[in-house]
Amino acid sequence: MTPTITIKILFFASAREAAGGITSTNLELDADGADTQVLRTKLASLYPKLAPLVQDEENLTLALNEEYVDVGEVKQLSSGDTVALIPPISGG
């Protein structure tokens, strides 16, 4: 059996809407190779309406344990991590 990690996902604004209105969930990933890119792919498969947003790094920022993940940066994930999905903020 492949070891897994459990991370908490927080959904904000349009990401919450695309995920069916949930505010958070716990997600299991294979421990081997668990990173933010793998997470984006997993979220896109679990929440098809979220896929266009989550696969576009320019349009959806990830925050890992309250620290932004820069565009193009891939961070390793560990059990107990919290990842926030933060869509662009609009307004005036």
Protein backbone atom coordinates (compact mmCIF):
# COMPACT_ATOMS: atom_id res chain seq x y z
CA MET A 1 0.00 0.00 0.00
CA THR A 2 1.31 3.42 -0.99
CA PRO A 3 1.78 5.84 1.92
CA THR A 4 -0.41 8.94 1.74
CA ILE A 5 -0.50 12.40 3.23
CA THR A 6 -3.58 14.38 4.20
CA ILE A 7 -3.74 18.10 3.53
CA LYS A 8 -6.47 20.65 4.14
CA ILE A 9 -7.76 22.67 1.19
CA LEU A 10 -9.45 26.06 1.69
CA PHE A 11 -11.62 27.40 -1.13
CA PHE A 12 -12.20 31.16 -1.54
CA ALA A 13 -14.50 33.28 -3.77
CA SER A 14 -14.90 31.88 -7.31
CA ALA A 15 -12.87 28.78 -6.40
CA ARG A 16 -15.48 28.00 -3.72
CA GLU A 17 -18.30 28.45 -6.23
CA ALA A 18 -16.57 26.21 -8.81
CA ALA A 19 -16.07 23.50 -6.17
CA GLY A 20 -19.79 23.39 -5.42
CA GLY A 21 -19.89 25.86 -2.56
CA ILE A 22 -17.60 24.04 -0.12
CA THR A 23 -15.32 26.14 2.04
CA SER A 24 -12.79 23.43 2.92
CA THR A 25 -12.00 19.76 2.56
CA ASN A 26 -9.31 17.28 3.52
CA LEU A 27 -7.57 15.61 0.61
CA GLU A 28 -5.31 12.56 0.48
CA LEU A 29 -2.36 12.44 -1.91
CA ASP A 30 0.30 9.80 -2.46
CA ALA A 31 3.19 10.81 -0.22
CA ASP A 32 5.74 10.13 -2.97
CA GLY A 33 5.93 13.20 -5.18
CA ALA A 34 3.18 15.17 -3.43
CA ASP A 35 3.65 18.77 -4.52
CA THR A 36 1.61 21.78 -5.53
CA GLN A 37 1.56 20.80 -9.21
CA VAL A 38 0.21 17.32 -8.39
CA LEU A 39 -2.36 19.01 -6.16
CA ARG A 40 -3.54 21.26 -9.00
CA THR A 41 -4.02 18.20 -11.23
CA LYS A 42 -5.87 16.29 -8.51
CA LEU A 43 -8.20 19.21 -7.76
CA ALA A 44 -8.96 19.62 -11.48
CA SER A 45 -10.00 15.95 -11.70
CA LEU A 46 -12.07 16.05 -8.50
CA TYR A 47 -13.82 19.34 -9.30
CA PRO A 48 -14.24 19.65 -13.11
CA LYS A 49 -15.79 23.15 -12.87
CA LEU A 50 -12.69 24.25 -10.94
CA ALA A 51 -10.29 22.81 -13.56
CA PRO A 52 -9.90 25.92 -15.77
CA LEU A 53 -9.14 28.06 -12.74
CA VAL A 54 -6.89 25.68 -10.81
CA GLN A 55 -4.80 24.75 -13.85
CA ASP A 56 -4.05 28.40 -14.66
CA GLU A 57 -1.29 29.58 -12.33
CA GLU A 58 -1.79 33.16 -13.49
CA ASN A 59 -5.44 33.06 -12.38
CA LEU A 60 -5.33 31.09 -9.15
CA THR A 61 -2.74 31.64 -6.46
CA LEU A 62 -1.97 28.91 -3.95
CA ALA A 63 -0.97 29.73 -0.40
CA LEU A 64 0.83 26.92 1.42
CA ASN A 65 0.62 27.29 5.19
CA GLU A 66 -0.21 31.01 4.79
CA GLU A 67 2.70 31.71 2.38
CA TYR A 68 2.05 32.43 -1.29
CA VAL A 69 3.46 30.01 -3.86
CA ASP A 70 4.98 32.06 -6.71
CA VAL A 71 3.93 31.45 -10.32
CA GLY A 72 6.06 28.63 -11.72
CA GLU A 73 7.19 27.51 -8.27
CA VAL A 74 6.46 23.94 -7.16
CA LYS A 75 6.46 23.25 -3.42
CA GLN A 76 6.54 19.87 -1.70
CA LEU A 77 3.53 19.02 0.45
CA SER A 78 3.53 17.28 3.82
CA SER A 79 0.80 15.75 5.91
CA GLY A 80 -0.98 18.44 7.91
CA ASP A 81 -0.29 21.24 5.41
CA THR A 82 -3.02 23.73 4.58
CA VAL A 83 -3.37 25.02 1.03
CA ALA A 84 -5.63 27.95 0.20
CA LEU A 85 -6.96 28.49 -3.32
CA ILE A 86 -7.04 32.23 -3.90
CA PRO A 87 -8.59 33.51 -7.12
CA PRO A 88 -7.91 37.03 -8.38
CA ILE A 89 -9.45 39.77 -6.30
CA SER A 90 -11.43 42.34 -8.24
CA GLY A 91 -13.03 45.54 -7.17
CA GLY A 92 -12.47 49.21 -7.02
